[in-house]
All heavy atoms as atom14 arrays in JSON, in Angstrom:
{
  "sequence": "STDGTISILEEFSKQYPEQVTIIKNDPPQGSAKDNFISLIQNSYGPYF",
  "atom14_mask": [
    [1, 1, 1, 1, 1, 1, 0, 0, 0, 0, 0, 0, 0, 0],
    [1, 1, 1, 1, 1, 1, 1, 0, 0, 0, 0, 0, 0, 0],
    [1, 1, 1, 1, 1, 1, 1, 1, 0, 0, 0, 0, 0, 0],
    [1, 1, 1, 1, 0, 0, 0, 0, 0, 0, 0, 0, 0, 0],
    [1, 1, 1, 1, 1, 1, 1, 0, 0, 0, 0, 0, 0, 0],
    [1, 1, 1, 1, 1, 1, 1, 1, 0, 0, 0, 0, 0, 0],
    [1, 1, 1, 1, 1, 1, 0, 0, 0, 0, 0, 0, 0, 0],
    [1, 1, 1, 1, 1, 1, 1, 1, 0, 0, 0, 0, 0, 0],
    [1, 1, 1, 1, 1, 1, 1, 1, 0, 0, 0, 0, 0, 0],
    [1, 1, 1, 1, 1, 1, 1, 1, 1, 0, 0, 0, 0, 0],
    [1, 1, 1, 1, 1, 1, 1, 1, 1, 0, 0, 0, 0, 0],
    [1, 1, 1, 1, 1, 1, 1, 1, 1, 1, 1, 0, 0, 0],
    [1, 1, 1, 1, 1, 1, 0, 0, 0, 0, 0, 0, 0, 0],
    [1, 1, 1, 1, 1, 1, 1, 1, 1, 0, 0, 0, 0, 0],
    [1, 1, 1, 1, 1, 1, 1, 1, 1, 0, 0, 0, 0, 0],
    [1, 1, 1, 1, 1, 1, 1, 1, 1, 1, 1, 1, 0, 0],
    [1, 1, 1, 1, 1, 1, 1, 0, 0, 0, 0, 0, 0, 0],
    [1, 1, 1, 1, 1, 1, 1, 1, 1, 0, 0, 0, 0, 0],
    [1, 1, 1, 1, 1, 1, 1, 1, 1, 0, 0, 0, 0, 0],
    [1, 1, 1, 1, 1, 1, 1, 0, 0, 0, 0, 0, 0, 0],
    [1, 1, 1, 1, 1, 1, 1, 0, 0, 0, 0, 0, 0, 0],
    [1, 1, 1, 1, 1, 1, 1, 1, 0, 0, 0, 0, 0, 0],
    [1, 1, 1, 1, 1, 1, 1, 1, 0, 0, 0, 0, 0, 0],
    [1, 1, 1, 1, 1, 1, 1, 1, 1, 0, 0, 0, 0, 0],
    [1, 1, 1, 1, 1, 1, 1, 1, 0, 0, 0, 0, 0, 0],
    [1, 1, 1, 1, 1, 1, 1, 1, 0, 0, 0, 0, 0, 0],
    [1, 1, 1, 1, 1, 1, 1, 0, 0, 0, 0, 0, 0, 0],
    [1, 1, 1, 1, 1, 1, 1, 0, 0, 0, 0, 0, 0, 0],
    [1, 1, 1, 1, 1, 1, 1, 1, 1, 0, 0, 0, 0, 0],
    [1, 1, 1, 1, 0, 0, 0, 0, 0, 0, 0, 0, 0, 0],
    [1, 1, 1, 1, 1, 1, 0, 0, 0, 0, 0, 0, 0, 0],
    [1, 1, 1, 1, 1, 0, 0, 0, 0, 0, 0, 0, 0, 0],
    [1, 1, 1, 1, 1, 1, 1, 1, 1, 0, 0, 0, 0, 0],
    [1, 1, 1, 1, 1, 1, 1, 1, 0, 0, 0, 0, 0, 0],
    [1, 1, 1, 1, 1, 1, 1, 1, 0, 0, 0, 0, 0, 0],
    [1, 1, 1, 1, 1, 1, 1, 1, 1, 1, 1, 0, 0, 0],
    [1, 1, 1, 1, 1, 1, 1, 1, 0, 0, 0, 0, 0, 0],
    [1, 1, 1, 1, 1, 1, 0, 0, 0, 0, 0, 0, 0, 0],
    [1, 1, 1, 1, 1, 1, 1, 1, 0, 0, 0, 0, 0, 0],
    [1, 1, 1, 1, 1, 1, 1, 1, 0, 0, 0, 0, 0, 0],
    [1, 1, 1, 1, 1, 1, 1, 1, 1, 0, 0, 0, 0, 0],
    [1, 1, 1, 1, 1, 1, 1, 1, 0, 0, 0, 0, 0, 0],
    [1, 1, 1, 1, 1, 1, 0, 0, 0, 0, 0, 0, 0, 0],
    [1, 1, 1, 1, 1, 1, 1, 1, 1, 1, 1, 1, 0, 0],
    [1, 1, 1, 1, 0, 0, 0, 0, 0, 0, 0, 0, 0, 0],
    [1, 1, 1, 1, 1, 1, 1, 0, 0, 0, 0, 0, 0, 0],
    [1, 1, 1, 1, 1, 1, 1, 1, 1, 1, 1, 1, 0, 0],
    [1, 1, 1, 1, 1, 1, 1, 1, 1, 1, 1, 0, 0, 0]
  ],
  "atom14_positions": [
    [[170.71, 19.0, 43.69], [169.68, 18.7, 42.69], [168.28, 18.97, 43.22], [167.97, 18.69, 44.38], [169.78, 17.22, 42.26], [170.96, 16.98, 41.55], [0.0, 0.0, 0.0], [0.0, 0.0, 0.0], [0.0, 0.0, 0.0], [0.0, 0.0, 0.0], [0.0, 0.0, 0.0], [0.0, 0.0, 0.0], [0.0, 0.0, 0.0], [0.0, 0.0, 0.0]],
    [[167.44, 19.51, 42.33], [166.05, 19.8, 42.7], [165.08, 18.97, 41.87], [163.86, 19.14, 41.99], [165.75, 21.3, 42.5], [166.04, 21.67, 41.15], [166.58, 22.15, 43.46], [0.0, 0.0, 0.0], [0.0, 0.0, 0.0], [0.0, 0.0, 0.0], [0.0, 0.0, 0.0], [0.0, 0.0, 0.0], [0.0, 0.0, 0.0], [0.0, 0.0, 0.0]],
    [[165.6, 18.08, 41.02], [164.74, 17.2, 40.23], [164.73, 15.81, 40.87], [164.85, 15.69, 42.08], [165.21, 17.16, 38.77], [166.61, 16.59, 38.62], [167.25, 16.26, 39.66], [167.08, 16.45, 37.48], [0.0, 0.0, 0.0], [0.0, 0.0, 0.0], [0.0, 0.0, 0.0], [0.0, 0.0, 0.0], [0.0, 0.0, 0.0], [0.0, 0.0, 0.0]],
    [[164.6, 14.77, 40.08], [164.52, 13.42, 40.63], [165.86, 12.72, 40.8], [165.88, 11.51, 41.05], [0.0, 0.0, 0.0], [0.0, 0.0, 0.0], [0.0, 0.0, 0.0], [0.0, 0.0, 0.0], [0.0, 0.0, 0.0], [0.0, 0.0, 0.0], [0.0, 0.0, 0.0], [0.0, 0.0, 0.0], [0.0, 0.0, 0.0], [0.0, 0.0, 0.0]],
    [[166.95, 13.46, 40.71], [168.28, 12.85, 40.79], [168.49, 12.07, 42.09], [168.95, 10.92, 42.07], [169.37, 13.93, 40.64], [169.29, 14.49, 39.33], [170.75, 13.34, 40.86], [0.0, 0.0, 0.0], [0.0, 0.0, 0.0], [0.0, 0.0, 0.0], [0.0, 0.0, 0.0], [0.0, 0.0, 0.0], [0.0, 0.0, 0.0], [0.0, 0.0, 0.0]],
    [[168.17, 12.68, 43.22], [168.4, 12.01, 44.51], [167.57, 10.73, 44.61], [168.07, 9.7, 45.11], [168.09, 12.96, 45.68], [169.09, 14.12, 45.71], [168.11, 12.21, 47.0], [170.52, 13.7, 45.96], [0.0, 0.0, 0.0], [0.0, 0.0, 0.0], [0.0, 0.0, 0.0], [0.0, 0.0, 0.0], [0.0, 0.0, 0.0], [0.0, 0.0, 0.0]],
    [[166.35, 10.77, 44.15], [165.5, 9.57, 44.21], [166.11, 8.44, 43.38], [166.1, 7.27, 43.8], [164.1, 9.89, 43.69], [163.45, 10.8, 44.56], [0.0, 0.0, 0.0], [0.0, 0.0, 0.0], [0.0, 0.0, 0.0], [0.0, 0.0, 0.0], [0.0, 0.0, 0.0], [0.0, 0.0, 0.0], [0.0, 0.0, 0.0], [0.0, 0.0, 0.0]],
    [[166.64, 8.77, 42.21], [167.27, 7.76, 41.35], [168.5, 7.18, 42.05], [168.71, 5.97, 42.06], [167.64, 8.38, 39.99], [166.37, 8.76, 39.22], [168.49, 7.41, 39.17], [166.63, 9.62, 38.0], [0.0, 0.0, 0.0], [0.0, 0.0, 0.0], [0.0, 0.0, 0.0], [0.0, 0.0, 0.0], [0.0, 0.0, 0.0], [0.0, 0.0, 0.0]],
    [[169.3, 8.06, 42.64], [170.5, 7.6, 43.34], [170.14, 6.72, 44.54], [170.78, 5.68, 44.78], [171.31, 8.8, 43.82], [171.99, 9.64, 42.73], [172.55, 10.93, 43.33], [173.09, 8.85, 42.04], [0.0, 0.0, 0.0], [0.0, 0.0, 0.0], [0.0, 0.0, 0.0], [0.0, 0.0, 0.0], [0.0, 0.0, 0.0], [0.0, 0.0, 0.0]],
    [[169.15, 7.12, 45.3], [168.78, 6.35, 46.48], [168.21, 4.98, 46.11], [168.45, 4.0, 46.8], [167.79, 7.14, 47.33], [168.45, 8.35, 48.02], [167.48, 9.21, 48.79], [166.25, 9.09, 48.54], [167.94, 10.01, 49.64], [0.0, 0.0, 0.0], [0.0, 0.0, 0.0], [0.0, 0.0, 0.0], [0.0, 0.0, 0.0], [0.0, 0.0, 0.0]],
    [[167.48, 4.91, 45.02], [166.96, 3.63, 44.55], [168.11, 2.71, 44.14], [168.11, 1.51, 44.44], [166.01, 3.84, 43.37], [165.34, 2.58, 42.87], [164.5, 1.88, 43.92], [163.92, 2.59, 44.78], [164.43, 0.63, 43.9], [0.0, 0.0, 0.0], [0.0, 0.0, 0.0], [0.0, 0.0, 0.0], [0.0, 0.0, 0.0], [0.0, 0.0, 0.0]],
    [[169.1, 3.27, 43.46], [170.27, 2.49, 43.07], [171.04, 2.03, 44.3], [171.54, 0.89, 44.36], [171.17, 3.33, 42.15], [172.31, 2.56, 41.53], [172.07, 1.61, 40.55], [173.61, 2.81, 41.93], [173.13, 0.91, 39.97], [174.68, 2.12, 41.35], [174.42, 1.18, 40.36], [0.0, 0.0, 0.0], [0.0, 0.0, 0.0], [0.0, 0.0, 0.0]],
    [[171.15, 2.9, 45.3], [171.85, 2.56, 46.52], [171.18, 1.4, 47.26], [171.86, 0.58, 47.88], [171.92, 3.79, 47.43], [172.57, 3.49, 48.64], [0.0, 0.0, 0.0], [0.0, 0.0, 0.0], [0.0, 0.0, 0.0], [0.0, 0.0, 0.0], [0.0, 0.0, 0.0], [0.0, 0.0, 0.0], [0.0, 0.0, 0.0], [0.0, 0.0, 0.0]],
    [[169.87, 1.32, 47.18], [169.16, 0.2, 47.8], [169.54, -1.13, 47.16], [169.57, -2.17, 47.82], [167.65, 0.42, 47.69], [167.11, 1.54, 48.56], [165.61, 1.73, 48.33], [165.08, 2.9, 49.14], [163.63, 3.15, 48.87], [0.0, 0.0, 0.0], [0.0, 0.0, 0.0], [0.0, 0.0, 0.0], [0.0, 0.0, 0.0], [0.0, 0.0, 0.0]],
    [[169.84, -1.09, 45.87], [170.23, -2.31, 45.16], [171.67, -2.71, 45.48], [172.01, -3.9, 45.45], [170.08, -2.11, 43.66], [168.67, -1.81, 43.19], [168.62, -1.5, 41.7], [169.1, -2.27, 40.88], [168.04, -0.36, 41.35], [0.0, 0.0, 0.0], [0.0, 0.0, 0.0], [0.0, 0.0, 0.0], [0.0, 0.0, 0.0], [0.0, 0.0, 0.0]],
    [[172.5, -1.73, 45.79], [173.92, -1.99, 46.05], [174.35, -1.25, 47.33], [175.2, -0.38, 47.3], [174.77, -1.54, 44.85], [174.39, -2.23, 43.58], [173.46, -1.65, 42.7], [174.92, -3.47, 43.24], [173.1, -2.28, 41.53], [174.55, -4.12, 42.07], [173.64, -3.52, 41.23], [173.26, -4.16, 40.06], [0.0, 0.0, 0.0], [0.0, 0.0, 0.0]],
    [[173.76, -1.61, 48.46], [173.97, -0.84, 49.69], [175.41, -0.84, 50.2], [175.83, 0.09, 50.88], [173.02, -1.51, 50.69], [172.81, -2.89, 50.16], [172.83, -2.74, 48.68], [0.0, 0.0, 0.0], [0.0, 0.0, 0.0], [0.0, 0.0, 0.0], [0.0, 0.0, 0.0], [0.0, 0.0, 0.0], [0.0, 0.0, 0.0], [0.0, 0.0, 0.0]],
    [[176.18, -1.88, 49.88], [177.56, -1.97, 50.35], [178.53, -1.27, 49.41], [179.71, -1.13, 49.74], [177.97, -3.45, 50.5], [177.09, -4.24, 51.44], [177.08, -3.66, 52.84], [178.16, -3.25, 53.32], [176.0, -3.61, 53.46], [0.0, 0.0, 0.0], [0.0, 0.0, 0.0], [0.0, 0.0, 0.0], [0.0, 0.0, 0.0], [0.0, 0.0, 0.0]],
    [[178.03, -0.81, 48.26], [178.93, -0.26, 47.25], [178.67, 1.2, 46.91], [179.48, 1.81, 46.22], [178.84, -1.09, 45.96], [179.39, -2.51, 46.08], [179.16, -3.33, 44.83], [178.13, -3.99, 44.7], [180.09, -3.28, 43.9], [0.0, 0.0, 0.0], [0.0, 0.0, 0.0], [0.0, 0.0, 0.0], [0.0, 0.0, 0.0], [0.0, 0.0, 0.0]],
    [[177.58, 1.77, 47.39], [177.2, 3.13, 46.99], [177.15, 4.05, 48.2], [176.52, 3.74, 49.22], [175.82, 3.12, 46.27], [175.43, 4.56, 45.9], [175.87, 2.23, 45.04], [0.0, 0.0, 0.0], [0.0, 0.0, 0.0], [0.0, 0.0, 0.0], [0.0, 0.0, 0.0], [0.0, 0.0, 0.0], [0.0, 0.0, 0.0], [0.0, 0.0, 0.0]],
    [[177.81, 5.2, 48.07], [177.76, 6.26, 49.08], [177.29, 7.54, 48.41], [177.82, 7.93, 47.36], [179.15, 6.5, 49.7], [179.61, 5.29, 50.32], [179.1, 7.62, 50.73], [0.0, 0.0, 0.0], [0.0, 0.0, 0.0], [0.0, 0.0, 0.0], [0.0, 0.0, 0.0], [0.0, 0.0, 0.0], [0.0, 0.0, 0.0], [0.0, 0.0, 0.0]],
    [[176.29, 8.19, 48.97], [175.76, 9.44, 48.41], [176.08, 10.58, 49.37], [175.72, 10.54, 50.55], [174.23, 9.35, 48.2], [173.89, 8.17, 47.27], [173.7, 10.67, 47.61], [172.4, 7.86, 47.21], [0.0, 0.0, 0.0], [0.0, 0.0, 0.0], [0.0, 0.0, 0.0], [0.0, 0.0, 0.0], [0.0, 0.0, 0.0], [0.0, 0.0, 0.0]],
    [[176.77, 11.58, 48.86], [177.08, 12.78, 49.64], [176.27, 13.94, 49.09], [176.36, 14.25, 47.9], [178.59, 13.11, 49.55], [179.44, 11.94, 50.06], [178.9, 14.38, 50.33], [180.92, 12.08, 49.77], [0.0, 0.0, 0.0], [0.0, 0.0, 0.0], [0.0, 0.0, 0.0], [0.0, 0.0, 0.0], [0.0, 0.0, 0.0], [0.0, 0.0, 0.0]],
    [[175.47, 14.57, 49.93], [174.69, 15.73, 49.52], [175.44, 16.98, 49.96], [175.51, 17.3, 51.14], [173.29, 15.67, 50.15], [172.49, 14.43, 49.73], [171.16, 14.35, 50.45], [170.43, 13.07, 50.1], [169.14, 12.93, 50.84], [0.0, 0.0, 0.0], [0.0, 0.0, 0.0], [0.0, 0.0, 0.0], [0.0, 0.0, 0.0], [0.0, 0.0, 0.0]],
    [[176.04, 17.66, 49.0], [176.88, 18.81, 49.31], [176.05, 19.97, 49.87], [175.16, 20.47, 49.2], [177.61, 19.27, 48.05], [178.54, 18.22, 47.49], [179.09, 17.41, 48.23], [178.72, 18.21, 46.18], [0.0, 0.0, 0.0], [0.0, 0.0, 0.0], [0.0, 0.0, 0.0], [0.0, 0.0, 0.0], [0.0, 0.0, 0.0], [0.0, 0.0, 0.0]],
    [[176.36, 20.38, 51.09], [175.64, 21.47, 51.73], [176.64, 22.31, 52.54], [177.11, 21.88, 53.6], [174.55, 20.91, 52.65], [173.69, 22.01, 53.26], [173.7, 23.14, 52.73], [173.0, 21.73, 54.26], [0.0, 0.0, 0.0], [0.0, 0.0, 0.0], [0.0, 0.0, 0.0], [0.0, 0.0, 0.0], [0.0, 0.0, 0.0], [0.0, 0.0, 0.0]],
    [[177.01, 23.47, 52.02], [176.49, 24.1, 50.81], [177.04, 23.43, 49.55], [178.03, 22.7, 49.63], [177.0, 25.54, 50.92], [178.27, 25.39, 51.7], [178.01, 24.31, 52.7], [0.0, 0.0, 0.0], [0.0, 0.0, 0.0], [0.0, 0.0, 0.0], [0.0, 0.0, 0.0], [0.0, 0.0, 0.0], [0.0, 0.0, 0.0], [0.0, 0.0, 0.0]],
    [[176.44, 23.69, 48.39], [176.94, 23.11, 47.14], [178.37, 23.53, 46.85], [178.82, 24.61, 47.24], [175.98, 23.67, 46.09], [174.74, 24.02, 46.85], [175.21, 24.48, 48.19], [0.0, 0.0, 0.0], [0.0, 0.0, 0.0], [0.0, 0.0, 0.0], [0.0, 0.0, 0.0], [0.0, 0.0, 0.0], [0.0, 0.0, 0.0], [0.0, 0.0, 0.0]],
    [[179.09, 22.66, 46.15], [180.46, 22.98, 45.73], [180.47, 24.12, 44.7], [181.42, 24.88, 44.63], [181.15, 21.75, 45.16], [181.37, 20.63, 46.16], [182.36, 21.0, 47.24], [183.25, 21.82, 47.04], [182.21, 20.41, 48.42], [0.0, 0.0, 0.0], [0.0, 0.0, 0.0], [0.0, 0.0, 0.0], [0.0, 0.0, 0.0], [0.0, 0.0, 0.0]],
    [[179.44, 24.18, 43.88], [179.31, 25.3, 42.96], [179.79, 25.04, 41.55], [179.48, 25.81, 40.64], [0.0, 0.0, 0.0], [0.0, 0.0, 0.0], [0.0, 0.0, 0.0], [0.0, 0.0, 0.0], [0.0, 0.0, 0.0], [0.0, 0.0, 0.0], [0.0, 0.0, 0.0], [0.0, 0.0, 0.0], [0.0, 0.0, 0.0], [0.0, 0.0, 0.0]],
    [[180.54, 23.97, 41.33], [181.0, 23.62, 39.98], [181.33, 22.14, 39.94], [181.62, 21.53, 40.98], [182.24, 24.43, 39.59], [183.37, 24.01, 40.34], [0.0, 0.0, 0.0], [0.0, 0.0, 0.0], [0.0, 0.0, 0.0], [0.0, 0.0, 0.0], [0.0, 0.0, 0.0], [0.0, 0.0, 0.0], [0.0, 0.0, 0.0], [0.0, 0.0, 0.0]],
    [[181.29, 21.58, 38.74], [181.65, 20.17, 38.58], [183.1, 19.95, 39.0], [183.43, 18.95, 39.65], [181.43, 19.73, 37.14], [0.0, 0.0, 0.0], [0.0, 0.0, 0.0], [0.0, 0.0, 0.0], [0.0, 0.0, 0.0], [0.0, 0.0, 0.0], [0.0, 0.0, 0.0], [0.0, 0.0, 0.0], [0.0, 0.0, 0.0], [0.0, 0.0, 0.0]],
    [[183.98, 20.88, 38.66], [185.39, 20.77, 39.03], [185.55, 20.64, 40.54], [186.21, 19.71, 41.04], [186.16, 21.99, 38.53], [187.58, 22.09, 39.07], [188.2, 23.44, 38.74], [189.53, 23.62, 39.46], [190.16, 24.94, 39.22], [0.0, 0.0, 0.0], [0.0, 0.0, 0.0], [0.0, 0.0, 0.0], [0.0, 0.0, 0.0], [0.0, 0.0, 0.0]],
    [[184.95, 21.55, 41.29], [185.09, 21.51, 42.74], [184.4, 20.3, 43.36], [184.84, 19.76, 44.38], [184.54, 22.8, 43.35], [185.42, 24.01, 43.04], [186.61, 23.81, 42.71], [184.92, 25.14, 43.1], [0.0, 0.0, 0.0], [0.0, 0.0, 0.0], [0.0, 0.0, 0.0], [0.0, 0.0, 0.0], [0.0, 0.0, 0.0], [0.0, 0.0, 0.0]],
    [[183.31, 19.87, 42.74], [182.62, 18.67, 43.2], [183.53, 17.46, 43.07], [183.69, 16.66, 44.0], [181.33, 18.48, 42.4], [180.35, 17.55, 43.1], [180.64, 16.94, 44.12], [179.16, 17.44, 42.53], [0.0, 0.0, 0.0], [0.0, 0.0, 0.0], [0.0, 0.0, 0.0], [0.0, 0.0, 0.0], [0.0, 0.0, 0.0], [0.0, 0.0, 0.0]],
    [[184.18, 17.32, 41.91], [185.07, 16.18, 41.7], [186.28, 16.24, 42.64], [186.72, 15.21, 43.17], [185.54, 16.12, 40.24], [184.59, 15.42, 39.33], [183.98, 16.1, 38.29], [184.31, 14.07, 39.49], [183.1, 15.45, 37.43], [183.43, 13.41, 38.64], [182.82, 14.1, 37.6], [0.0, 0.0, 0.0], [0.0, 0.0, 0.0], [0.0, 0.0, 0.0]],
    [[186.84, 17.43, 42.84], [187.98, 17.56, 43.74], [187.59, 17.15, 45.17], [188.34, 16.44, 45.86], [188.54, 18.98, 43.7], [189.21, 19.24, 42.34], [189.54, 19.21, 44.83], [189.66, 20.66, 42.14], [0.0, 0.0, 0.0], [0.0, 0.0, 0.0], [0.0, 0.0, 0.0], [0.0, 0.0, 0.0], [0.0, 0.0, 0.0], [0.0, 0.0, 0.0]],
    [[186.41, 17.58, 45.6], [185.94, 17.18, 46.93], [185.77, 15.67, 47.02], [186.13, 15.05, 48.03], [184.6, 17.88, 47.23], [184.08, 17.45, 48.47], [0.0, 0.0, 0.0], [0.0, 0.0, 0.0], [0.0, 0.0, 0.0], [0.0, 0.0, 0.0], [0.0, 0.0, 0.0], [0.0, 0.0, 0.0], [0.0, 0.0, 0.0], [0.0, 0.0, 0.0]],
    [[185.26, 15.06, 45.96], [185.08, 13.61, 45.96], [186.41, 12.88, 46.08], [186.54, 11.93, 46.86], [184.36, 13.18, 44.68], [182.86, 13.46, 44.61], [182.34, 13.23, 43.2], [182.11, 12.57, 45.61], [0.0, 0.0, 0.0], [0.0, 0.0, 0.0], [0.0, 0.0, 0.0], [0.0, 0.0, 0.0], [0.0, 0.0, 0.0], [0.0, 0.0, 0.0]],
    [[187.38, 13.33, 45.32], [188.66, 12.62, 45.35], [189.39, 12.84, 46.66], [190.14, 11.99, 47.13], [189.53, 13.0, 44.13], [190.56, 11.9, 43.87], [190.17, 14.35, 44.27], [191.27, 12.02, 42.56], [0.0, 0.0, 0.0], [0.0, 0.0, 0.0], [0.0, 0.0, 0.0], [0.0, 0.0, 0.0], [0.0, 0.0, 0.0], [0.0, 0.0, 0.0]],
    [[189.14, 13.98, 47.31], [189.74, 14.22, 48.63], [189.16, 13.3, 49.69], [189.83, 12.97, 50.66], [189.49, 15.68, 49.04], [190.34, 16.69, 48.3], [189.95, 18.12, 48.64], [188.79, 18.39, 48.99], [190.9, 19.03, 48.55], [0.0, 0.0, 0.0], [0.0, 0.0, 0.0], [0.0, 0.0, 0.0], [0.0, 0.0, 0.0], [0.0, 0.0, 0.0]],
    [[187.93, 12.88, 49.5], [187.22, 12.12, 50.52], [186.96, 10.67, 50.13], [186.01, 10.05, 50.61], [185.89, 12.81, 50.84], [186.1, 14.17, 51.49], [186.48, 14.26, 52.65], [185.86, 15.24, 50.73], [0.0, 0.0, 0.0], [0.0, 0.0, 0.0], [0.0, 0.0, 0.0], [0.0, 0.0, 0.0], [0.0, 0.0, 0.0], [0.0, 0.0, 0.0]],
    [[187.82, 10.13, 49.26], [187.67, 8.75, 48.81], [188.99, 8.01, 48.95], [190.03, 8.61, 49.18], [187.2, 8.73, 47.34], [185.97, 9.39, 47.19], [0.0, 0.0, 0.0], [0.0, 0.0, 0.0], [0.0, 0.0, 0.0], [0.0, 0.0, 0.0], [0.0, 0.0, 0.0], [0.0, 0.0, 0.0], [0.0, 0.0, 0.0], [0.0, 0.0, 0.0]],
    [[188.92, 6.69, 48.81], [190.13, 5.88, 48.85], [190.1, 4.88, 47.7], [189.04, 4.59, 47.15], [190.28, 5.16, 50.19], [189.13, 4.24, 50.54], [189.17, 2.9, 50.21], [188.02, 4.72, 51.22], [188.11, 2.06, 50.53], [186.95, 3.89, 51.55], [187.02, 2.56, 51.21], [185.98, 1.73, 51.53], [0.0, 0.0, 0.0], [0.0, 0.0, 0.0]],
    [[191.26, 4.36, 47.33], [191.43, 3.59, 46.11], [191.65, 2.11, 46.32], [191.01, 1.53, 47.16], [0.0, 0.0, 0.0], [0.0, 0.0, 0.0], [0.0, 0.0, 0.0], [0.0, 0.0, 0.0], [0.0, 0.0, 0.0], [0.0, 0.0, 0.0], [0.0, 0.0, 0.0], [0.0, 0.0, 0.0], [0.0, 0.0, 0.0], [0.0, 0.0, 0.0]],
    [[192.59, 1.57, 45.5], [193.78, 2.17, 44.9], [193.6, 2.84, 43.53], [194.52, 3.49, 43.04], [194.73, 0.98, 44.76], [193.81, -0.18, 44.52], [192.61, 0.1, 45.37], [0.0, 0.0, 0.0], [0.0, 0.0, 0.0], [0.0, 0.0, 0.0], [0.0, 0.0, 0.0], [0.0, 0.0, 0.0], [0.0, 0.0, 0.0], [0.0, 0.0, 0.0]],
    [[192.43, 2.69, 42.91], [192.2, 3.31, 41.62], [190.94, 4.16, 41.68], [189.99, 3.85, 42.41], [192.06, 2.25, 40.51], [193.28, 1.37, 40.36], [193.23, 0.02, 40.7], [194.48, 1.9, 39.88], [194.35, -0.79, 40.56], [195.6, 1.09, 39.74], [195.53, -0.24, 40.08], [196.65, -1.04, 39.95], [0.0, 0.0, 0.0], [0.0, 0.0, 0.0]],
    [[190.92, 5.22, 40.87], [189.82, 6.18, 40.89], [189.38, 6.5, 39.46], [190.2, 6.76, 38.59], [190.27, 7.48, 41.58], [190.82, 7.27, 42.95], [192.16, 6.95, 43.13], [190.0, 7.36, 44.07], [192.67, 6.72, 44.4], [190.52, 7.14, 45.34], [191.86, 6.83, 45.51], [0.0, 0.0, 0.0], [0.0, 0.0, 0.0], [0.0, 0.0, 0.0]]
  ]
}
């Protein structure tokens, strides 16, 4: 993101520091599909 998205996320993370993880994809995944697949590969549940 090149707009204010990261700032909004970081502000929210400050409110819920134990519950929010922000991953900045570098390089970008390139699509919403690949972004979601990467997220599910790197998360744990039991529900998603």
